[in-house]
Amino acid sequence: MSYEMMSTCAAITLATAIEDLAEDSGRPIEEIRKEFLESTAYECLLDFDSGLWAEGPDSFREYYRRTMSKKSFAGAQKHQRTGDA
């Protein structure tokens, strides 16, 4: 598949995932978009070798949630180790 086709699929996946999450959460699209674009999930979406671009928006949202959960968990562990308030 061509780079252009993969890029188009990734863009559609991203846009749909952002719209769906904004609708489900009631949060502004701009806020969701910013979070997605700063995430490691977005980096993976654009890594065409990962295949995430071909899985569709539901799979991408689930991957995003998993990566954010791991990030939150790692942050909580760091917080506990350092004793930060």
Protein backbone atom coordinates (compact mmCIF):
# COMPACT_ATOMS: atom_id res chain seq x y z
CA MET A 1 0.00 0.00 0.00
CA SER A 2 1.27 3.47 -0.82
CA TYR A 3 2.44 5.97 1.77
CA GLU A 4 -0.36 8.32 0.72
CA MET A 5 -3.02 5.67 1.36
CA MET A 6 -1.57 4.81 4.78
CA SER A 7 -1.39 8.53 5.66
CA THR A 8 -5.01 9.01 4.63
CA CYS A 9 -6.14 6.01 6.71
CA ALA A 10 -4.19 7.32 9.72
CA ALA A 11 -5.71 10.80 9.35
CA ILE A 12 -9.24 9.40 9.12
CA THR A 13 -8.61 7.12 12.10
CA LEU A 14 -7.30 10.03 14.16
CA ALA A 15 -10.13 12.40 13.22
CA THR A 16 -12.82 9.82 13.93
CA ALA A 17 -11.25 8.80 17.24
CA ILE A 18 -11.07 12.44 18.36
CA GLU A 19 -14.70 13.09 17.42
CA ASP A 20 -15.91 9.90 19.11
CA LEU A 21 -14.00 10.56 22.33
CA ALA A 22 -15.18 14.18 22.46
CA GLU A 23 -18.77 13.06 21.98
CA ASP A 24 -18.50 10.27 24.57
CA SER A 25 -16.75 12.41 27.18
CA GLY A 26 -18.43 15.75 26.55
CA ARG A 27 -15.02 17.41 26.39
CA PRO A 28 -14.05 19.92 23.68
CA ILE A 29 -12.60 18.51 20.46
CA GLU A 30 -9.62 20.89 20.73
CA GLU A 31 -8.71 19.47 24.14
CA ILE A 32 -8.95 15.88 22.93
CA ARG A 33 -6.97 16.67 19.77
CA LYS A 34 -4.14 18.25 21.80
CA GLU A 35 -3.93 15.21 24.08
CA PHE A 36 -3.91 12.79 21.15
CA LEU A 37 -1.26 14.72 19.22
CA GLU A 38 1.05 14.76 22.25
CA SER A 39 0.63 11.04 22.97
CA THR A 40 2.83 8.06 22.23
CA ALA A 41 -0.28 6.47 20.68
CA TYR A 42 -0.20 9.14 17.97
CA GLU A 43 3.46 8.40 17.31
CA CYS A 44 2.56 4.73 16.94
CA LEU A 45 -0.33 5.58 14.60
CA LEU A 46 2.14 7.33 12.28
CA ASP A 47 4.62 4.45 12.48
CA PHE A 48 3.18 2.59 9.53
CA ASP A 49 5.14 -0.55 10.42
CA SER A 50 3.02 -0.83 13.59
CA GLY A 51 -0.15 -1.42 11.56
CA LEU A 52 -2.22 0.64 14.01
CA TRP A 53 -3.23 2.98 11.18
CA ALA A 54 -5.11 0.06 9.54
CA GLU A 55 -7.02 -1.02 12.66
CA GLY A 56 -9.52 1.84 12.70
CA PRO A 57 -10.59 4.41 15.27
CA ASP A 58 -11.93 2.03 17.92
CA SER A 59 -8.64 0.14 18.11
CA PHE A 60 -6.70 3.39 18.12
CA ARG A 61 -8.81 4.77 20.99
CA GLU A 62 -8.28 1.58 22.98
CA TYR A 63 -4.52 1.72 22.34
CA TYR A 64 -4.53 5.39 23.41
CA ARG A 65 -6.37 4.51 26.63
CA ARG A 66 -3.92 1.71 27.41
CA THR A 67 -0.89 3.94 26.84
CA MET A 68 -2.41 6.72 28.97
CA SER A 69 -3.22 4.24 31.76
CA LYS A 70 0.38 3.04 31.77
CA LYS A 71 1.60 6.63 31.82
CA SER A 72 -0.70 7.49 34.73
CA PHE A 73 0.36 4.35 36.59
CA ALA A 74 4.06 5.14 36.06
CA GLY A 75 3.49 8.70 37.27
CA ALA A 76 1.71 7.45 40.39
CA GLN A 77 4.55 5.03 41.11
CA LYS A 78 7.12 7.83 40.72
CA HIS A 79 5.01 10.02 43.01
CA GLN A 80 4.95 7.27 45.68
CA ARG A 81 8.71 6.65 45.43
CA THR A 82 9.63 10.31 45.74
CA GLY A 83 7.01 11.11 48.35
CA ASP A 84 5.85 14.17 46.43
CA ALA A 85 2.64 15.69 47.70
